[in-house]
Amino acid sequence: MNFFKENEEHILLYSKISYFDKTAYLHLLFLKGELTFKSTDLISVSYEQIYLLKENKNMAIQIDPSSEKEIHNLQLLFKEAVNYESTC
């Protein structure tokens, strides 16, 4: 997570979801690094920012406008994860 700096926009290249032990995990691949976390740590996703809880601290990742298509995909994955965990 050291590649996230304040006031810097990040290009999201790819996002996916995986499941293990009744928990959904989101994997995000950025141009400068990657991040994996429990879906319950994701607070919200907008076209400008991703908000999440990491190590008991709120974190906002600024998103480059060129990532619009992948942000839309991440929003769908987030909904899928919420549905999955509500049935477990």
PDB file of N, CA and C in Angstrom:
ATOM      1  N   MET A   1       0.800  -1.187   0.000  1.00  0.00           N
ATOM      2  CA  MET A   1       0.000   0.000   0.000  1.00  0.00           C
ATOM      3  C   MET A   1       0.849   1.260   0.000  1.00  0.00           C
ATOM      4  N   ASN A   2       2.116   1.146  -0.061  1.00  0.00           N
ATOM      5  CA  ASN A   2       2.981   2.310  -0.023  1.00  0.00           C
ATOM      6  C   ASN A   2       2.866   3.165  -1.277  1.00  0.00           C
ATOM      7  N   PHE A   3       2.306   2.631  -2.342  1.00  0.00           N
ATOM      8  CA  PHE A   3       2.235   3.400  -3.579  1.00  0.00           C
ATOM      9  C   PHE A   3       1.098   4.414  -3.574  1.00  0.00           C
ATOM     10  N   PHE A   4       0.198   4.386  -2.546  1.00  0.00           N
ATOM     11  CA  PHE A   4      -0.890   5.356  -2.464  1.00  0.00           C
ATOM     12  C   PHE A   4      -0.403   6.612  -1.768  1.00  0.00           C
ATOM     13  N   LYS A   5      -0.456   7.699  -2.485  1.00  0.00           N
ATOM     14  CA  LYS A   5      -0.059   8.988  -1.921  1.00  0.00           C
ATOM     15  C   LYS A   5      -1.245   9.933  -2.005  1.00  0.00           C
ATOM     16  N   GLU A   6      -1.326  10.826  -1.024  1.00  0.00           N
ATOM     17  CA  GLU A   6      -2.411  11.804  -1.023  1.00  0.00           C
ATOM     18  C   GLU A   6      -2.340  12.685  -2.262  1.00  0.00           C
ATOM     19  N   ASN A   7      -3.518  13.090  -2.714  1.00  0.00           N
ATOM     20  CA  ASN A   7      -3.649  14.007  -3.855  1.00  0.00           C
ATOM     21  C   ASN A   7      -3.040  13.463  -5.142  1.00  0.00           C
ATOM     22  N   GLU A   8      -2.964  12.160  -5.266  1.00  0.00           N
ATOM     23  CA  GLU A   8      -2.460  11.540  -6.490  1.00  0.00           C
ATOM     24  C   GLU A   8      -3.551  10.623  -7.026  1.00  0.00           C
ATOM     25  N   GLU A   9      -3.870  10.745  -8.297  1.00  0.00           N
ATOM     26  CA  GLU A   9      -4.884   9.889  -8.901  1.00  0.00           C
ATOM     27  C   GLU A   9      -4.247   8.591  -9.360  1.00  0.00           C
ATOM     28  N   HIS A  10      -4.987   7.504  -9.167  1.00  0.00           N
ATOM     29  CA  HIS A  10      -4.485   6.188  -9.532  1.00  0.00           C
ATOM     30  C   HIS A  10      -5.334   5.597 -10.648  1.00  0.00           C
ATOM     31  N   ILE A  11      -4.686   4.898 -11.541  1.00  0.00           N
ATOM     32  CA  ILE A  11      -5.369   4.253 -12.653  1.00  0.00           C
ATOM     33  C   ILE A  11      -5.679   2.820 -12.252  1.00  0.00           C
ATOM     34  N   LEU A  12      -6.970   2.500 -12.188  1.00  0.00           N
ATOM     35  CA  LEU A  12      -7.414   1.148 -11.869  1.00  0.00           C
ATOM     36  C   LEU A  12      -7.484   0.356 -13.166  1.00  0.00           C
ATOM     37  N   LEU A  13      -6.680  -0.699 -13.244  1.00  0.00           N
ATOM     38  CA  LEU A  13      -6.614  -1.501 -14.463  1.00  0.00           C
ATOM     39  C   LEU A  13      -7.568  -2.686 -14.447  1.00  0.00           C
ATOM     40  N   TYR A  14      -7.759  -3.281 -13.259  1.00  0.00           N
ATOM     41  CA  TYR A  14      -8.510  -4.532 -13.191  1.00  0.00           C
ATOM     42  C   TYR A  14      -9.009  -4.735 -11.771  1.00  0.00           C
ATOM     43  N   SER A  15     -10.183  -5.317 -11.641  1.00  0.00           N
ATOM     44  CA  SER A  15     -10.697  -5.695 -10.328  1.00  0.00           C
ATOM     45  C   SER A  15     -11.394  -7.038 -10.455  1.00  0.00           C
ATOM     46  N   LYS A  16     -11.294  -7.830  -9.393  1.00  0.00           N
ATOM     47  CA  LYS A  16     -11.970  -9.129  -9.387  1.00  0.00           C
ATOM     48  C   LYS A  16     -12.349  -9.479  -7.962  1.00  0.00           C
ATOM     49  N   ILE A  17     -13.178 -10.499  -7.843  1.00  0.00           N
ATOM     50  CA  ILE A  17     -13.646 -10.955  -6.543  1.00  0.00           C
ATOM     51  C   ILE A  17     -13.295 -12.430  -6.391  1.00  0.00           C
ATOM     52  N   SER A  18     -12.979 -12.817  -5.175  1.00  0.00           N
ATOM     53  CA  SER A  18     -12.758 -14.234  -4.881  1.00  0.00           C
ATOM     54  C   SER A  18     -13.406 -14.532  -3.534  1.00  0.00           C
ATOM     55  N   TYR A  19     -13.656 -15.801  -3.302  1.00  0.00           N
ATOM     56  CA  TYR A  19     -14.344 -16.212  -2.083  1.00  0.00           C
ATOM     57  C   TYR A  19     -13.512 -17.255  -1.357  1.00  0.00           C
ATOM     58  N   PHE A  20     -13.427 -17.091  -0.036  1.00  0.00           N
ATOM     59  CA  PHE A  20     -12.713 -18.056   0.787  1.00  0.00           C
ATOM     60  C   PHE A  20     -13.320 -18.031   2.183  1.00  0.00           C
ATOM     61  N   ASP A  21     -13.698 -19.194   2.667  1.00  0.00           N
ATOM     62  CA  ASP A  21     -14.200 -19.345   4.035  1.00  0.00           C
ATOM     63  C   ASP A  21     -15.336 -18.359   4.336  1.00  0.00           C
ATOM     64  N   LYS A  22     -16.318 -18.319   3.452  1.00  0.00           N
ATOM     65  CA  LYS A  22     -17.516 -17.483   3.584  1.00  0.00           C
ATOM     66  C   LYS A  22     -17.220 -15.986   3.612  1.00  0.00           C
ATOM     67  N   THR A  23     -16.096 -15.600   3.041  1.00  0.00           N
ATOM     68  CA  THR A  23     -15.717 -14.193   2.968  1.00  0.00           C
ATOM     69  C   THR A  23     -15.398 -13.840   1.521  1.00  0.00           C
ATOM     70  N   ALA A  24     -15.868 -12.688   1.095  1.00  0.00           N
ATOM     71  CA  ALA A  24     -15.552 -12.193  -0.247  1.00  0.00           C
ATOM     72  C   ALA A  24     -14.349 -11.256  -0.145  1.00  0.00           C
ATOM     73  N   TYR A  25     -13.407 -11.436  -1.060  1.00  0.00           N
ATOM     74  CA  TYR A  25     -12.216 -10.591  -1.125  1.00  0.00           C
ATOM     75  C   TYR A  25     -12.193  -9.870  -2.464  1.00  0.00           C
ATOM     76  N   LEU A  26     -11.830  -8.608  -2.436  1.00  0.00           N
ATOM     77  CA  LEU A  26     -11.697  -7.828  -3.657  1.00  0.00           C
ATOM     78  C   LEU A  26     -10.222  -7.608  -3.950  1.00  0.00           C
ATOM     79  N   HIS A  27      -9.864  -7.804  -5.198  1.00  0.00           N
ATOM     80  CA  HIS A  27      -8.485  -7.636  -5.651  1.00  0.00           C
ATOM     81  C   HIS A  27      -8.482  -6.499  -6.672  1.00  0.00           C
ATOM     82  N   LEU A  28      -7.688  -5.487  -6.412  1.00  0.00           N
ATOM     83  CA  LEU A  28      -7.599  -4.339  -7.308  1.00  0.00           C
ATOM     84  C   LEU A  28      -6.183  -4.224  -7.842  1.00  0.00           C
ATOM     85  N   LEU A  29      -6.071  -4.125  -9.145  1.00  0.00           N
ATOM     86  CA  LEU A  29      -4.770  -3.941  -9.784  1.00  0.00           C
ATOM     87  C   LEU A  29      -4.716  -2.524 -10.346  1.00  0.00           C
ATOM     88  N   PHE A  30      -3.766  -1.752  -9.837  1.00  0.00           N
ATOM     89  CA  PHE A  30      -3.547  -0.387 -10.291  1.00  0.00           C
ATOM     90  C   PHE A  30      -2.294  -0.350 -11.147  1.00  0.00           C
ATOM     91  N   LEU A  31      -2.110   0.726 -11.848  1.00  0.00           N
ATOM     92  CA  LEU A  31      -0.920   0.892 -12.673  1.00  0.00           C
ATOM     93  C   LEU A  31       0.355   0.801 -11.835  1.00  0.00           C
ATOM     94  N   LYS A  32       0.305   1.290 -10.593  1.00  0.00           N
ATOM     95  CA  LYS A  32       1.504   1.331  -9.748  1.00  0.00           C
ATOM     96  C   LYS A  32       1.506   0.327  -8.601  1.00  0.00           C
ATOM     97  N   GLY A  33       0.577  -0.610  -8.574  1.00  0.00           N
ATOM     98  CA  GLY A  33       0.552  -1.580  -7.483  1.00  0.00           C
ATOM     99  C   GLY A  33      -0.771  -2.300  -7.407  1.00  0.00           C
ATOM    100  N   GLU A  34      -0.913  -3.123  -6.381  1.00  0.00           N
ATOM    101  CA  GLU A  34      -2.158  -3.859  -6.217  1.00  0.00           C
ATOM    102  C   GLU A  34      -2.573  -3.871  -4.760  1.00  0.00           C
ATOM    103  N   LEU A  35      -3.846  -4.201  -4.538  1.00  0.00           N
ATOM    104  CA  LEU A  35      -4.424  -4.165  -3.214  1.00  0.00           C
ATOM    105  C   LEU A  35      -5.475  -5.263  -3.120  1.00  0.00           C
ATOM    106  N   THR A  36      -5.448  -6.032  -2.037  1.00  0.00           N
ATOM    107  CA  THR A  36      -6.451  -7.058  -1.768  1.00  0.00           C
ATOM    108  C   THR A  36      -6.996  -6.819  -0.367  1.00  0.00           C
ATOM    109  N   PHE A  37      -8.311  -6.907  -0.223  1.00  0.00           N
ATOM    110  CA  PHE A  37      -8.931  -6.666   1.076  1.00  0.00           C
ATOM    111  C   PHE A  37     -10.284  -7.363   1.135  1.00  0.00           C
ATOM    112  N   LYS A  38     -10.799  -7.550   2.359  1.00  0.00           N
ATOM    113  CA  LYS A  38     -12.130  -8.111   2.544  1.00  0.00           C
ATOM    114  C   LYS A  38     -13.155  -7.116   2.015  1.00  0.00           C
ATOM    115  N   SER A  39     -14.186  -7.644   1.411  1.00  0.00           N
ATOM    116  CA  SER A  39     -15.204  -6.746   0.856  1.00  0.00           C
ATOM    117  C   SER A  39     -15.879  -5.921   1.944  1.00  0.00           C
ATOM    118  N   THR A  40     -15.905  -6.436   3.168  1.00  0.00           N
ATOM    119  CA  THR A  40     -16.513  -5.679   4.265  1.00  0.00           C
ATOM    120  C   THR A  40     -15.695  -4.441   4.628  1.00  0.00           C
ATOM    121  N   ASP A  41     -14.455  -4.361   4.163  1.00  0.00           N
ATOM    122  CA  ASP A  41     -13.621  -3.177   4.402  1.00  0.00           C
ATOM    123  C   ASP A  41     -13.890  -2.065   3.388  1.00  0.00           C
ATOM    124  N   LEU A  42     -14.607  -2.393   2.328  1.00  0.00           N
ATOM    125  CA  LEU A  42     -14.932  -1.391   1.313  1.00  0.00           C
ATOM    126  C   LEU A  42     -16.150  -0.600   1.776  1.00  0.00           C
ATOM    127  N   ILE A  43     -15.991   0.696   1.871  1.00  0.00           N
ATOM    128  CA  ILE A  43     -17.076   1.556   2.344  1.00  0.00           C
ATOM    129  C   ILE A  43     -17.931   2.032   1.178  1.00  0.00           C
ATOM    130  N   SER A  44     -17.288   2.557   0.136  1.00  0.00           N
ATOM    131  CA  SER A  44     -18.033   3.006  -1.042  1.00  0.00           C
ATOM    132  C   SER A  44     -17.100   3.148  -2.236  1.00  0.00           C
ATOM    133  N   VAL A  45     -17.738   3.165  -3.416  1.00  0.00           N
ATOM    134  CA  VAL A  45     -16.998   3.307  -4.667  1.00  0.00           C
ATOM    135  C   VAL A  45     -17.701   4.369  -5.502  1.00  0.00           C
ATOM    136  N   SER A  46     -16.961   5.391  -5.889  1.00  0.00           N
ATOM    137  CA  SER A  46     -17.490   6.389  -6.817  1.00  0.00           C
ATOM    138  C   SER A  46     -16.509   6.493  -7.980  1.00  0.00           C
ATOM    139  N   TYR A  47     -16.868   7.261  -8.978  1.00  0.00           N
ATOM    140  CA  TYR A  47     -15.980   7.398 -10.135  1.00  0.00           C
ATOM    141  C   TYR A  47     -14.752   8.256  -9.822  1.00  0.00           C
ATOM    142  N   GLU A  48     -14.775   8.928  -8.679  1.00  0.00           N
ATOM    143  CA  GLU A  48     -13.633   9.765  -8.292  1.00  0.00           C
ATOM    144  C   GLU A  48     -12.766   9.136  -7.209  1.00  0.00           C
ATOM    145  N   GLN A  49     -13.398   8.332  -6.325  1.00  0.00           N
ATOM    146  CA  GLN A  49     -12.662   7.779  -5.188  1.00  0.00           C
ATOM    147  C   GLN A  49     -13.180   6.413  -4.782  1.00  0.00           C
ATOM    148  N   ILE A  50     -12.279   5.650  -4.178  1.00  0.00           N
ATOM    149  CA  ILE A  50     -12.631   4.405  -3.507  1.00  0.00           C
ATOM    150  C   ILE A  50     -12.367   4.643  -2.025  1.00  0.00           C
ATOM    151  N   TYR A  51     -13.384   4.419  -1.200  1.00  0.00           N
ATOM    152  CA  TYR A  51     -13.238   4.588   0.247  1.00  0.00           C
ATOM    153  C   TYR A  51     -13.208   3.212   0.897  1.00  0.00           C
ATOM    154  N   LEU A  52     -12.223   2.982   1.754  1.00  0.00           N
ATOM    155  CA  LEU A  52     -12.158   1.712   2.454  1.00  0.00           C
ATOM    156  C   LEU A  52     -11.545   1.880   3.826  1.00  0.00           C
ATOM    157  N   LEU A  53     -11.707   0.848   4.621  1.00  0.00           N
ATOM    158  CA  LEU A  53     -11.144   0.799   5.955  1.00  0.00           C
ATOM    159  C   LEU A  53      -9.940  -0.123   5.897  1.00  0.00           C
ATOM    160  N   LYS A  54      -8.779   0.398   6.207  1.00  0.00           N
ATOM    161  CA  LYS A  54      -7.552  -0.401   6.174  1.00  0.00           C
ATOM    162  C   LYS A  54      -6.805  -0.180   7.478  1.00  0.00           C
ATOM    163  N   GLU A  55      -6.553  -1.266   8.205  1.00  0.00           N
ATOM    164  CA  GLU A  55      -5.856  -1.203   9.492  1.00  0.00           C
ATOM    165  C   GLU A  55      -6.550  -0.219  10.433  1.00  0.00           C
ATOM    166  N   ASN A  56      -7.880  -0.316  10.494  1.00  0.00           N
ATOM    167  CA  ASN A  56      -8.732   0.514  11.356  1.00  0.00           C
ATOM    168  C   ASN A  56      -8.662   2.010  11.051  1.00  0.00           C
ATOM    169  N   LYS A  57      -8.280   2.362   9.842  1.00  0.00           N
ATOM    170  CA  LYS A  57      -8.238   3.765   9.427  1.00  0.00           C
ATOM    171  C   LYS A  57      -8.984   3.923   8.110  1.00  0.00           C
ATOM    172  N   ASN A  58      -9.721   5.026   7.992  1.00  0.00           N
ATOM    173  CA  ASN A  58     -10.383   5.325   6.725  1.00  0.00           C
ATOM    174  C   ASN A  58      -9.344   5.725   5.692  1.00  0.00           C
ATOM    175  N   MET A  59      -9.546   5.247   4.479  1.00  0.00           N
ATOM    176  CA  MET A  59      -8.604   5.523   3.405  1.00  0.00           C
ATOM    177  C   MET A  59      -9.394   5.898   2.157  1.00  0.00           C
ATOM    178  N   ALA A  60      -8.963   6.927   1.480  1.00  0.00           N
ATOM    179  CA  ALA A  60      -9.582   7.341   0.221  1.00  0.00           C
ATOM    180  C   ALA A  60      -8.534   7.258  -0.874  1.00  0.00           C
ATOM    181  N   ILE A  61      -8.849   6.520  -1.914  1.00  0.00           N
ATOM    182  CA  ILE A  61      -7.943   6.383  -3.056  1.00  0.00           C
ATOM    183  C   ILE A  61      -8.531   7.200  -4.201  1.00  0.00           C
ATOM    184  N   GLN A  62      -7.804   8.194  -4.649  1.00  0.00           N
ATOM    185  CA  GLN A  62      -8.240   9.033  -5.764  1.00  0.00           C
ATOM    186  C   GLN A  62      -8.111   8.235  -7.067  1.00  0.00           C
ATOM    187  N   ILE A  63      -9.146   8.281  -7.894  1.00  0.00           N
ATOM    188  CA  ILE A  63      -9.170   7.501  -9.126  1.00  0.00           C
ATOM    189  C   ILE A  63      -9.080   8.416 -10.351  1.00  0.00           C
ATOM    190  N   ASP A  64      -8.230   8.038 -11.266  1.00  0.00           N
ATOM    191  CA  ASP A  64      -8.070   8.760 -12.525  1.00  0.00           C
ATOM    192  C   ASP A  64      -9.336   8.566 -13.372  1.00  0.00           C
ATOM    193  N   PRO A  65      -9.816   9.610 -14.030  1.00  0.00           N
ATOM    194  CA  PRO A  65     -11.030   9.502 -14.852  1.00  0.00           C
ATOM    195  C   PRO A  65     -10.959   8.429 -15.943  1.00  0.00           C
ATOM    196  N   SER A  66      -9.777   8.064 -16.376  1.00  0.00           N
ATOM    197  CA  SER A  66      -9.650   7.033 -17.411  1.00  0.00           C
ATOM    198  C   SER A  66     -10.064   5.650 -16.915  1.00  0.00           C
ATOM    199  N   SER A  67     -10.293   5.500 -15.614  1.00  0.00           N
ATOM    200  CA  SER A  67     -10.654   4.209 -15.018  1.00  0.00           C
ATOM    201  C   SER A  67     -12.161   3.998 -14.930  1.00  0.00           C
ATOM    202  N   GLU A  68     -12.938   4.816 -15.604  1.00  0.00           N
ATOM    203  CA  GLU A  68     -14.395   4.780 -15.466  1.00  0.00           C
ATOM    204  C   GLU A  68     -14.986   3.387 -15.702  1.00  0.00           C
ATOM    205  N   LYS A  69     -14.566   2.705 -16.746  1.00  0.00           N
ATOM    206  CA  LYS A  69     -15.112   1.379 -17.062  1.00  0.00           C
ATOM    207  C   LYS A  69     -14.803   0.384 -15.943  1.00  0.00           C
ATOM    208  N   GLU A  70     -13.599   0.409 -15.434  1.00  0.00           N
ATOM    209  CA  GLU A  70     -13.230  -0.538 -14.380  1.00  0.00           C
ATOM    210  C   GLU A  70     -13.881  -0.180 -13.043  1.00  0.00           C
ATOM    211  N   ILE A  71     -14.107   1.091 -12.792  1.00  0.00           N
ATOM    212  CA  ILE A  71     -14.829   1.493 -11.578  1.00  0.00           C
ATOM    213  C   ILE A  71     -16.254   0.963 -11.631  1.00  0.00           C
ATOM    214  N   HIS A  72     -16.880   1.030 -12.794  1.00  0.00           N
ATOM    215  CA  HIS A  72     -18.227   0.472 -12.946  1.00  0.00           C
ATOM    216  C   HIS A  72     -18.211  -1.022 -12.625  1.00  0.00           C
ATOM    217  N   ASN A  73     -17.215  -1.738 -13.117  1.00  0.00           N
ATOM    218  CA  ASN A  73     -17.078  -3.160 -12.820  1.00  0.00           C
ATOM    219  C   ASN A  73     -16.900  -3.380 -11.316  1.00  0.00           C
ATOM    220  N   LEU A  74     -16.097  -2.563 -10.664  1.00  0.00           N
ATOM    221  CA  LEU A  74     -15.884  -2.689  -9.222  1.00  0.00           C
ATOM    222  C   LEU A  74     -17.177  -2.440  -8.453  1.00  0.00           C
ATOM    223  N   GLN A  75     -17.986  -1.507  -8.898  1.00  0.00           N
ATOM    224  CA  GLN A  75     -19.277  -1.265  -8.249  1.00  0.00           C
ATOM    225  C   GLN A  75     -20.163  -2.508  -8.322  1.00  0.00           C
ATOM    226  N   LEU A  76     -20.153  -3.186  -9.463  1.00  0.00           N
ATOM    227  CA  LEU A  76     -20.925  -4.422  -9.606  1.00  0.00           C
ATOM    228  C   LEU A  76     -20.375  -5.527  -8.706  1.00  0.00           C
ATOM    229  N   LEU A  77     -19.058  -5.633  -8.626  1.00  0.00           N
ATOM    230  CA  LEU A  77     -18.439  -6.631  -7.753  1.00  0.00           C
ATOM    231  C   LEU A  77     -18.760  -6.353  -6.287  1.00  0.00           C
ATOM    232  N   PHE A  78     -18.781  -5.096  -5.915  1.00  0.00           N
ATOM    233  CA  PHE A  78     -19.111  -4.708  -4.546  1.00  0.00           C
ATOM    234  C   PHE A  78     -20.530  -5.162  -4.206  1.00  0.00           C
ATOM    235  N   LYS A  79     -21.473  -4.940  -5.103  1.00  0.00           N
ATOM    236  CA  LYS A  79     -22.852  -5.393  -4.886  1.00  0.00           C
ATOM    237  C   LYS A  79     -22.908  -6.912  -4.773  1.00  0.00           C
ATOM    238  N   GLU A  80     -22.164  -7.600  -5.628  1.00  0.00           N
ATOM    239  CA  GLU A  80     -22.111  -9.061  -5.585  1.00  0.00           C
ATOM    240  C   GLU A  80     -21.571  -9.540  -4.239  1.00  0.00           C
ATOM    241  N   ALA A  81     -20.539  -8.902  -3.747  1.00  0.00           N
ATOM    242  CA  ALA A  81     -19.939  -9.282  -2.466  1.00  0.00           C
ATOM    243  C   ALA A  81     -20.913  -9.064  -1.313  1.00  0.00           C
ATOM    244  N   VAL A  82     -21.625  -7.946  -1.334  1.00  0.00           N
ATOM    245  CA  VAL A  82     -22.602  -7.663  -0.283  1.00  0.00           C
ATOM    246  C   VAL A  82     -23.697  -8.725  -0.295  1.00  0.00           C
ATOM    247  N   ASN A  83     -24.187  -9.077  -1.472  1.00  0.00           N
ATOM    248  CA  ASN A  83     -25.207 -10.121  -1.581  1.00  0.00           C
ATOM    249  C   ASN A  83     -24.687 -11.459  -1.088  1.00  0.00           C
ATOM    250  N   TYR A  84     -23.467 -11.800  -1.445  1.00  0.00           N
ATOM    251  CA  TYR A  84     -22.865 -13.068  -1.025  1.00  0.00           C
ATOM    252  C   TYR A  84     -22.762 -13.140   0.496  1.00  0.00           C
ATOM    253  N   GLU A  85     -22.227 -12.105   1.100  1.00  0.00           N
ATOM    254  CA  GLU A  85     -22.006 -12.139   2.544  1.00  0.00           C
ATOM    255  C   GLU A  85     -23.304 -12.037   3.334  1.00  0.00           C
ATOM    256  N   SER A  86     -24.350 -11.493   2.747  1.00  0.00           N
ATOM    257  CA  SER A  86     -25.631 -11.429   3.448  1.00  0.00           C
ATOM    258  C   SER A  86     -26.325 -12.789   3.475  1.00  0.00           C
ATOM    259  N   THR A  87     -25.898 -13.708   2.612  1.00  0.00           N
ATOM    260  CA  THR A  87     -26.501 -15.049   2.590  1.00  0.00           C
ATOM    261  C   THR A  87     -25.686 -16.070   3.373  1.00  0.00           C
ATOM    262  N   CYS A  88     -24.509 -15.699   3.829  1.00  0.00           N
ATOM    263  CA  CYS A  88     -23.652 -16.641   4.578  1.00  0.00           C
ATOM    264  C   CYS A  88     -23.992 -16.666   6.047  1.00  0.00           C
TER     265      CYS A  88
END
